[in-house]
C-alpha atoms as a PDB file:
ATOM      1  CA  MET A   1       0.000   0.000   0.000  1.00  0.00           C
ATOM      2  CA  THR A   2       1.365   3.428  -0.969  1.00  0.00           C
ATOM      3  CA  ASP A   3       2.246   5.677   1.935  1.00  0.00           C
ATOM      4  CA  LYS A   4      -0.015   8.756   1.869  1.00  0.00           C
ATOM      5  CA  PRO A   5       0.816  10.628   5.095  1.00  0.00           C
ATOM      6  CA  PHE A   6      -1.198  13.677   3.995  1.00  0.00           C
ATOM      7  CA  ALA A   7      -4.362  11.887   2.891  1.00  0.00           C
ATOM      8  CA  GLY A   8      -7.378  13.901   4.023  1.00  0.00           C
ATOM      9  CA  ARG A   9      -5.210  16.919   4.846  1.00  0.00           C
ATOM     10  CA  ILE A  10      -5.505  20.411   3.374  1.00  0.00           C
ATOM     11  CA  ALA A  11      -2.230  22.161   2.541  1.00  0.00           C
ATOM     12  CA  CYS A  12      -1.777  25.752   1.356  1.00  0.00           C
ATOM     13  CA  VAL A  13       1.484  26.709  -0.383  1.00  0.00           C
ATOM     14  CA  THR A  14       2.351  30.269  -1.381  1.00  0.00           C
ATOM     15  CA  GLY A  15       4.754  31.010  -4.206  1.00  0.00           C
ATOM     16  CA  ALA A  16       3.603  27.689  -5.638  1.00  0.00           C
ATOM     17  CA  SER A  17       4.061  28.329  -9.358  1.00  0.00           C
ATOM     18  CA  ARG A  18       7.823  27.747  -9.511  1.00  0.00           C
ATOM     19  CA  GLY A  19      10.966  26.811  -7.624  1.00  0.00           C
ATOM     20  CA  ILE A  20      10.770  25.494  -4.079  1.00  0.00           C
ATOM     21  CA  GLY A  21       7.066  26.315  -3.775  1.00  0.00           C
ATOM     22  CA  ARG A  22       6.140  24.310  -6.856  1.00  0.00           C
ATOM     23  CA  ALA A  23       8.279  21.363  -5.780  1.00  0.00           C
ATOM     24  CA  THR A  24       6.755  21.450  -2.288  1.00  0.00           C
ATOM     25  CA  ALA A  25       3.214  21.544  -3.661  1.00  0.00           C
ATOM     26  CA  LEU A  26       3.976  18.555  -5.894  1.00  0.00           C
ATOM     27  CA  ALA A  27       5.468  16.601  -2.986  1.00  0.00           C
ATOM     28  CA  LEU A  28       2.518  17.346  -0.698  1.00  0.00           C
ATOM     29  CA  ALA A  29       0.105  16.261  -3.433  1.00  0.00           C
ATOM     30  CA  ALA A  30       2.107  13.068  -3.934  1.00  0.00           C
ATOM     31  CA  GLY A  31       1.625  12.427  -0.211  1.00  0.00           C
ATOM     32  CA  GLY A  32      -2.134  12.640  -0.624  1.00  0.00           C
ATOM     33  CA  ALA A  33      -2.782  16.269   0.343  1.00  0.00           C
ATOM     34  CA  GLN A  34      -5.414  18.501  -1.171  1.00  0.00           C
ATOM     35  CA  VAL A  35      -3.196  21.389  -2.242  1.00  0.00           C
ATOM     36  CA  VAL A  36      -4.319  25.006  -2.276  1.00  0.00           C
ATOM     37  CA  ALA A  37      -1.725  26.614  -4.542  1.00  0.00           C
ATOM     38  CA  VAL A  38      -1.202  30.380  -4.356  1.00  0.00           C
ATOM     39  CA  ALA A  39       0.858  32.419  -6.844  1.00  0.00           C
ATOM     40  CA  ARG A  40       0.574  35.481  -9.036  1.00  0.00           C
ATOM     41  CA  THR A  41       0.729  33.682 -12.385  1.00  0.00           C
ATOM     42  CA  GLN A  42      -2.286  31.732 -13.647  1.00  0.00           C
ATOM     43  CA  GLY A  43      -0.197  29.896 -16.238  1.00  0.00           C
ATOM     44  CA  GLY A  44       2.293  28.672 -13.664  1.00  0.00           C
ATOM     45  CA  LEU A  45      -0.517  27.445 -11.430  1.00  0.00           C
ATOM     46  CA  GLU A  46      -2.172  25.587 -14.300  1.00  0.00           C
ATOM     47  CA  SER A  47       1.147  23.933 -15.152  1.00  0.00           C
ATOM     48  CA  LEU A  48       1.477  22.850 -11.510  1.00  0.00           C
ATOM     49  CA  ASP A  49      -2.035  21.392 -11.531  1.00  0.00           C
ATOM     50  CA  ASP A  50      -1.275  19.473 -14.724  1.00  0.00           C
ATOM     51  CA  ALA A  51       1.826  17.998 -13.103  1.00  0.00           C
ATOM     52  CA  ILE A  52      -0.095  17.041  -9.949  1.00  0.00           C
ATOM     53  CA  ARG A  53      -2.828  15.314 -11.967  1.00  0.00           C
ATOM     54  CA  GLN A  54      -0.310  13.491 -14.149  1.00  0.00           C
ATOM     55  CA  ALA A  55       1.351  12.150 -11.006  1.00  0.00           C
ATOM     56  CA  GLY A  56      -1.997  10.853  -9.717  1.00  0.00           C
ATOM     57  CA  GLY A  57      -2.637  13.549  -7.119  1.00  0.00           C
ATOM     58  CA  LEU A  58      -5.884  15.297  -6.304  1.00  0.00           C
ATOM     59  CA  PRO A  59      -6.654  18.280  -8.542  1.00  0.00           C
ATOM     60  CA  ALA A  60      -5.238  21.388  -6.880  1.00  0.00           C
ATOM     61  CA  THR A  61      -7.244  24.425  -5.892  1.00  0.00           C
ATOM     62  CA  LEU A  62      -5.584  27.243  -7.834  1.00  0.00           C
ATOM     63  CA  VAL A  63      -5.522  30.737  -6.348  1.00  0.00           C
ATOM     64  CA  PRO A  64      -4.004  33.446  -8.578  1.00  0.00           C
ATOM     65  CA  LEU A  65      -3.235  36.056  -5.935  1.00  0.00           C
ATOM     66  CA  ASP A  66      -0.579  38.644  -5.181  1.00  0.00           C
ATOM     67  CA  ILE A  67       0.045  38.071  -1.473  1.00  0.00           C
ATOM     68  CA  ARG A  68       0.329  41.825  -0.974  1.00  0.00           C
ATOM     69  CA  ASP A  69      -3.468  41.768  -1.318  1.00  0.00           C
ATOM     70  CA  GLY A  70      -4.385  41.345   2.334  1.00  0.00           C
ATOM     71  CA  ASP A  71      -8.105  41.382   1.620  1.00  0.00           C
ATOM     72  CA  GLY A  72      -7.519  38.623  -0.930  1.00  0.00           C
ATOM     73  CA  ILE A  73      -5.790  36.530   1.741  1.00  0.00           C
ATOM     74  CA  ASP A  74      -8.785  37.079   4.007  1.00  0.00           C
ATOM     75  CA  ARG A  75     -11.120  35.942   1.225  1.00  0.00           C
ATOM     76  CA  LEU A  76      -8.989  32.836   0.709  1.00  0.00           C
ATOM     77  CA  GLY A  77      -9.164  32.023   4.416  1.00  0.00           C
ATOM     78  CA  HIS A  78     -12.936  32.344   4.299  1.00  0.00           C
ATOM     79  CA  ALA A  79     -13.128  30.133   1.195  1.00  0.00           C
ATOM     80  CA  ILE A  80     -11.019  27.420   2.862  1.00  0.00           C
ATOM     81  CA  HIS A  81     -13.277  27.607   5.922  1.00  0.00           C
ATOM     82  CA  GLU A  82     -16.418  27.310   3.800  1.00  0.00           C
ATOM     83  CA  ARG A  83     -15.101  24.363   1.775  1.00  0.00           C
ATOM     84  CA  TRP A  84     -13.096  22.308   4.273  1.00  0.00           C
ATOM     85  CA  GLY A  85     -13.511  23.945   7.684  1.00  0.00           C
ATOM     86  CA  LYS A  86      -9.819  23.622   8.503  1.00  0.00           C
ATOM     87  CA  LEU A  87      -6.240  23.974   7.277  1.00  0.00           C
ATOM     88  CA  ASP A  88      -3.671  21.333   8.202  1.00  0.00           C
ATOM     89  CA  VAL A  89      -0.543  22.713   6.531  1.00  0.00           C
ATOM     90  CA  LEU A  90       0.691  26.193   5.629  1.00  0.00           C
ATOM     91  CA  VAL A  91       3.939  26.556   3.702  1.00  0.00           C
ATOM     92  CA  ALA A  92       4.661  30.292   3.510  1.00  0.00           C
ATOM     93  CA  ASN A  93       7.191  30.308   0.707  1.00  0.00           C
ATOM     94  CA  GLY A  94       6.216  33.352  -1.393  1.00  0.00           C
ATOM     95  CA  ALA A  95       8.901  36.053  -1.304  1.00  0.00           C
ATOM     96  CA  ILE A  96      10.873  38.466  -3.480  1.00  0.00           C
ATOM     97  CA  LEU A  97      14.574  39.298  -3.590  1.00  0.00           C
ATOM     98  CA  GLY A  98      14.227  43.053  -3.881  1.00  0.00           C
ATOM     99  CA  PRO A  99      17.054  45.371  -4.887  1.00  0.00           C
ATOM    100  CA  ILE A 100      20.687  44.363  -4.415  1.00  0.00           C
ATOM    101  CA  SER A 101      21.921  47.842  -3.609  1.00  0.00           C
ATOM    102  CA  PRO A 102      23.494  50.039  -0.935  1.00  0.00           C
ATOM    103  CA  LEU A 103      20.810  50.896   1.599  1.00  0.00           C
ATOM    104  CA  GLY A 104      21.030  54.576   0.824  1.00  0.00           C
ATOM    105  CA  HIS A 105      20.257  53.896  -2.844  1.00  0.00           C
ATOM    106  CA  VAL A 106      17.104  51.827  -2.263  1.00  0.00           C
ATOM    107  CA  ALA A 107      14.021  53.654  -3.496  1.00  0.00           C
ATOM    108  CA  PRO A 108      11.159  53.981  -0.966  1.00  0.00           C
ATOM    109  CA  LYS A 109       8.836  52.185  -3.384  1.00  0.00           C
ATOM    110  CA  GLU A 110      11.242  49.227  -3.577  1.00  0.00           C
ATOM    111  CA  TRP A 111      11.541  49.131   0.220  1.00  0.00           C
ATOM    112  CA  ASP A 112       7.795  49.223   0.711  1.00  0.00           C
ATOM    113  CA  GLN A 113       7.298  46.423  -1.820  1.00  0.00           C
ATOM    114  CA  ILE A 114       9.741  43.969  -0.253  1.00  0.00           C
ATOM    115  CA  VAL A 115       8.401  44.678   3.246  1.00  0.00           C
ATOM    116  CA  ALA A 116       4.867  44.133   1.956  1.00  0.00           C
ATOM    117  CA  VAL A 117       5.704  40.754   0.405  1.00  0.00           C
ATOM    118  CA  ASN A 118       8.325  39.288   2.733  1.00  0.00           C
ATOM    119  CA  LEU A 119       6.890  40.484   6.034  1.00  0.00           C
ATOM    120  CA  THR A 120       3.423  42.048   6.047  1.00  0.00           C
ATOM    121  CA  ALA A 121       1.933  39.364   3.810  1.00  0.00           C
ATOM    122  CA  GLN A 122       3.313  36.665   6.131  1.00  0.00           C
ATOM    123  CA  TRP A 123       1.544  38.298   9.078  1.00  0.00           C
ATOM    124  CA  ARG A 124      -1.657  38.476   7.040  1.00  0.00           C
ATOM    125  CA  LEU A 125      -1.366  34.732   6.388  1.00  0.00           C
ATOM    126  CA  ILE A 126      -1.117  34.122  10.130  1.00  0.00           C
ATOM    127  CA  ARG A 127      -4.022  36.458  10.831  1.00  0.00           C
ATOM    128  CA  SER A 128      -6.296  34.765   8.290  1.00  0.00           C
ATOM    129  CA  PHE A 129      -5.209  31.139   8.637  1.00  0.00           C
ATOM    130  CA  ASP A 130      -4.518  30.708  12.354  1.00  0.00           C
ATOM    131  CA  PRO A 131      -8.188  29.929  13.173  1.00  0.00           C
ATOM    132  CA  LEU A 132      -8.140  27.245  10.451  1.00  0.00           C
ATOM    133  CA  LEU A 133      -4.874  25.723  11.689  1.00  0.00           C
ATOM    134  CA  GLN A 134      -6.265  25.603  15.219  1.00  0.00           C
ATOM    135  CA  VAL A 135      -9.153  23.420  14.033  1.00  0.00           C
ATOM    136  CA  SER A 136      -6.728  20.843  12.627  1.00  0.00           C
ATOM    137  CA  ASP A 137      -5.712  17.932  14.821  1.00  0.00           C
ATOM    138  CA  ALA A 138      -2.080  18.778  13.982  1.00  0.00           C
ATOM    139  CA  GLY A 139      -1.717  22.159  12.269  1.00  0.00           C
ATOM    140  CA  ARG A 140       1.725  22.734  10.792  1.00  0.00           C
ATOM    141  CA  ALA A 141       3.147  26.057   9.548  1.00  0.00           C
ATOM    142  CA  VAL A 142       6.516  26.351   7.833  1.00  0.00           C
ATOM    143  CA  PHE A 143       7.955  29.758   6.954  1.00  0.00           C
ATOM    144  CA  VAL A 144      10.762  29.787   4.387  1.00  0.00           C
ATOM    145  CA  THR A 145      13.562  32.077   5.553  1.00  0.00           C
ATOM    146  CA  SER A 146      17.184  32.562   4.473  1.00  0.00           C
ATOM    147  CA  GLY A 147      20.713  32.581   5.811  1.00  0.00           C
ATOM    148  CA  ALA A 148      20.702  36.234   4.759  1.00  0.00           C
ATOM    149  CA  ALA A 149      18.667  36.926   7.899  1.00  0.00           C
ATOM    150  CA  THR A 150      21.812  36.563  10.006  1.00  0.00           C
ATOM    151  CA  LYS A 151      24.702  36.984   7.535  1.00  0.00           C
ATOM    152  CA  CYS A 152      23.773  40.585   6.645  1.00  0.00           C
ATOM    153  CA  ARG A 153      26.180  40.862   3.725  1.00  0.00           C
ATOM    154  CA  PRO A 154      26.687  44.217   1.963  1.00  0.00           C
ATOM    155  CA  TYR A 155      23.951  45.375  -0.452  1.00  0.00           C
ATOM    156  CA  TRP A 156      21.459  42.729   0.680  1.00  0.00           C
ATOM    157  CA  GLY A 157      19.858  45.036   3.260  1.00  0.00           C
ATOM    158  CA  PRO A 158      16.172  44.893   2.217  1.00  0.00           C
ATOM    159  CA  TYR A 159      16.162  41.095   1.815  1.00  0.00           C
ATOM    160  CA  SER A 160      18.199  40.442   4.983  1.00  0.00           C
ATOM    161  CA  THR A 161      16.082  42.821   7.041  1.00  0.00           C
ATOM    162  CA  THR A 162      12.765  41.344   5.963  1.00  0.00           C
ATOM    163  CA  LYS A 163      13.941  37.765   6.476  1.00  0.00           C
ATOM    164  CA  ALA A 164      15.250  38.618   9.955  1.00  0.00           C
ATOM    165  CA  ALA A 165      11.870  40.148  10.753  1.00  0.00           C
ATOM    166  CA  LEU A 166      10.150  37.048   9.372  1.00  0.00           C
ATOM    167  CA  ASP A 167      12.208  34.915  11.757  1.00  0.00           C
ATOM    168  CA  ALA A 168      10.982  37.013  14.695  1.00  0.00           C
ATOM    169  CA  LEU A 169       7.400  36.862  13.437  1.00  0.00           C
ATOM    170  CA  ALA A 170       7.411  33.070  13.081  1.00  0.00           C
ATOM    171  CA  ARG A 171       9.128  32.504  16.417  1.00  0.00           C
ATOM    172  CA  THR A 172       6.584  34.717  18.158  1.00  0.00           C
ATOM    173  CA  TYR A 173       3.748  32.834  16.497  1.00  0.00           C
ATOM    174  CA  ALA A 174       5.345  29.565  17.609  1.00  0.00           C
ATOM    175  CA  ALA A 175       5.616  30.799  21.194  1.00  0.00           C
ATOM    176  CA  GLU A 176       1.934  31.701  21.156  1.00  0.00           C
ATOM    177  CA  ASN A 177       1.180  28.105  20.138  1.00  0.00           C
ATOM    178  CA  GLU A 178       3.362  26.352  22.686  1.00  0.00           C
ATOM    179  CA  THR A 179       0.304  24.828  24.379  1.00  0.00           C
ATOM    180  CA  THR A 180      -1.752  24.130  21.230  1.00  0.00           C
ATOM    181  CA  LYS A 181      -1.608  21.418  18.579  1.00  0.00           C
ATOM    182  CA  VAL A 182      -0.136  23.853  16.044  1.00  0.00           C
ATOM    183  CA  ARG A 183       3.615  23.638  15.394  1.00  0.00           C
ATOM    184  CA  VAL A 184       5.403  26.553  13.708  1.00  0.00           C
ATOM    185  CA  ASN A 185       8.937  26.351  12.334  1.00  0.00           C
ATOM    186  CA  LEU A 186      11.351  28.060   9.959  1.00  0.00           C
ATOM    187  CA  PHE A 187      13.197  26.539   7.017  1.00  0.00           C
ATOM    188  CA  ASN A 188      16.450  27.791   5.494  1.00  0.00           C
ATOM    189  CA  PRO A 189      16.979  26.201   2.052  1.00  0.00           C
ATOM    190  CA  GLY A 190      20.453  27.605   1.410  1.00  0.00           C
ATOM    191  CA  PRO A 191      21.700  27.931  -2.197  1.00  0.00           C
ATOM    192  CA  ILE A 192      19.203  26.173  -4.495  1.00  0.00           C
ATOM    193  CA  ARG A 193      18.714  26.219  -8.263  1.00  0.00           C
ATOM    194  CA  THR A 194      15.884  28.750  -8.464  1.00  0.00           C
ATOM    195  CA  THR A 195      15.046  31.877 -10.438  1.00  0.00           C
ATOM    196  CA  MET A 196      15.618  34.037  -7.360  1.00  0.00           C
ATOM    197  CA  ARG A 197      19.080  32.564  -6.870  1.00  0.00           C
ATOM    198  CA  ALA A 198      19.916  33.251 -10.516  1.00  0.00           C
ATOM    199  CA  GLN A 199      18.829  36.871 -10.041  1.00  0.00           C
ATOM    200  CA  ALA A 200      20.992  37.225  -6.946  1.00  0.00           C
ATOM    201  CA  MET A 201      24.036  35.402  -8.351  1.00  0.00           C
ATOM    202  CA  PRO A 202      23.966  35.884 -12.153  1.00  0.00           C
ATOM    203  CA  GLY A 203      27.490  34.541 -12.685  1.00  0.00           C
ATOM    204  CA  GLU A 204      26.904  31.294 -10.795  1.00  0.00           C
ATOM    205  CA  ASP A 205      26.654  27.964 -12.615  1.00  0.00           C
ATOM    206  CA  PRO A 206      23.159  26.684 -11.693  1.00  0.00           C
ATOM    207  CA  GLN A 207      24.248  23.097 -12.281  1.00  0.00           C
ATOM    208  CA  THR A 208      26.442  23.326  -9.174  1.00  0.00           C
ATOM    209  CA  LEU A 209      23.311  23.771  -7.042  1.00  0.00           C
ATOM    210  CA  GLU A 210      20.715  21.280  -5.860  1.00  0.00           C
ATOM    211  CA  PRO A 211      17.321  21.392  -7.609  1.00  0.00           C
ATOM    212  CA  PRO A 212      14.223  22.585  -5.696  1.00  0.00           C
ATOM    213  CA  GLU A 213      12.949  19.025  -5.229  1.00  0.00           C
ATOM    214  CA  ALA A 214      15.678  18.347  -2.647  1.00  0.00           C
ATOM    215  CA  PRO A 215      14.720  21.003  -0.059  1.00  0.00           C
ATOM    216  CA  ALA A 216      11.040  20.470  -0.850  1.00  0.00           C
ATOM    217  CA  ALA A 217      11.273  16.954   0.553  1.00  0.00           C
ATOM    218  CA  ALA A 218      12.664  18.377   3.798  1.00  0.00           C
ATOM    219  CA  ILE A 219       9.881  20.976   4.007  1.00  0.00           C
ATOM    220  CA  VAL A 220       7.240  18.292   3.515  1.00  0.00           C
ATOM    221  CA  ALA A 221       8.782  16.243   6.319  1.00  0.00           C
ATOM    222  CA  MET A 222       8.347  19.280   8.602  1.00  0.00           C
ATOM    223  CA  CYS A 223       4.617  19.316   7.767  1.00  0.00           C
ATOM    224  CA  ARG A 224       3.887  15.827   9.073  1.00  0.00           C
ATOM    225  CA  ALA A 225       1.567  15.395  12.028  1.00  0.00           C
ATOM    226  CA  ASP A 226       4.271  13.624  14.043  1.00  0.00           C
ATOM    227  CA  VAL A 227       6.646  16.625  14.040  1.00  0.00           C
ATOM    228  CA  THR A 228       7.094  17.925  17.591  1.00  0.00           C
ATOM    229  CA  GLU A 229       9.582  20.772  17.056  1.00  0.00           C
ATOM    230  CA  ASN A 230       8.168  24.254  17.551  1.00  0.00           C
ATOM    231  CA  GLY A 231       9.804  27.642  17.072  1.00  0.00           C
ATOM    232  CA  GLN A 232      12.902  26.059  15.562  1.00  0.00           C
ATOM    233  CA  LEU A 233      14.864  26.425  12.334  1.00  0.00           C
ATOM    234  CA  PHE A 234      15.646  23.548  10.012  1.00  0.00           C
ATOM    235  CA  ASP A 235      18.892  24.444   8.248  1.00  0.00           C
ATOM    236  CA  TYR A 236      18.862  22.477   5.016  1.00  0.00           C
ATOM    237  CA  PRO A 237      22.564  22.966   4.140  1.00  0.00           C
ATOM    238  CA  ALA A 238      23.461  21.432   7.530  1.00  0.00           C
ATOM    239  CA  ARG A 239      20.583  18.911   7.350  1.00  0.00           C
ATOM    240  CA  ALA A 240      19.869  19.700  10.987  1.00  0.00           C
ATOM    241  CA  TRP A 241      17.497  21.477  13.346  1.00  0.00           C
ATOM    242  CA  LYS A 242      18.907  24.564  15.027  1.00  0.00           C
ATOM    243  CA  SER A 243      17.470  25.973  18.218  1.00  0.00           C
ATOM    244  CA  PHE A 244      17.178  29.683  18.936  1.00  0.00           C
ATOM    245  CA  ARG A 245      18.700  30.666  22.256  1.00  0.00           C
ATOM    246  CA  ASP A 246      16.555  32.842  24.492  1.00  0.00           C
ATOM    247  CA  PRO A 247      18.200  36.169  25.357  1.00  0.00           C
ATOM    248  CA  ALA A 248      19.629  36.486  28.847  1.00  0.00           C
END
């Protein structure tokens, strides 16, 4: 009998049309999940659905949505409630790189955009989906972060700042769920063969990097009902969980 650990479970993935998000959605569907796929591009979502169906998964629910649209996220939460009454898995993967530039050269519009996508939208996901995750017998939320959150290399200020803030947001949400059935964790994929990586490192040979399917498998493992970690970071390059130390 084929192992379907996510049979009967509802999983929402943002940034699902390409890269790590697409690979994660495919892996969750292969595990039996009903996938709610969120991305800006209709064509990318339809391609994902075709791939899920071809692999024998349940047809995905496709949501063409810019996650900066907070009201749209609220409407999605309501639609999930009306259709299934719960959400078992949230993979908050949608993000943008933003400008690679000295901080003093970043335009206010660029700053506002990356904060809206990489931080505010993640809070809106929590605000809209937390009641649905609480209904699940084992709600799991995974927020995709980056090593840039702590490395703070030159010219990566907007991306590093928003990912560091995301870490604080997710850890706070995890702390608020210490006594519930919801588990909240962070995932650092490291260097992976994605469009965002190519934008950030245009001279890099993509064939030297792992494909998105590799970290996607690790993300899916974090979404299982038997995961007990909460408020932790899974560092994919190290293949290990890393705990955050409480300040003195």
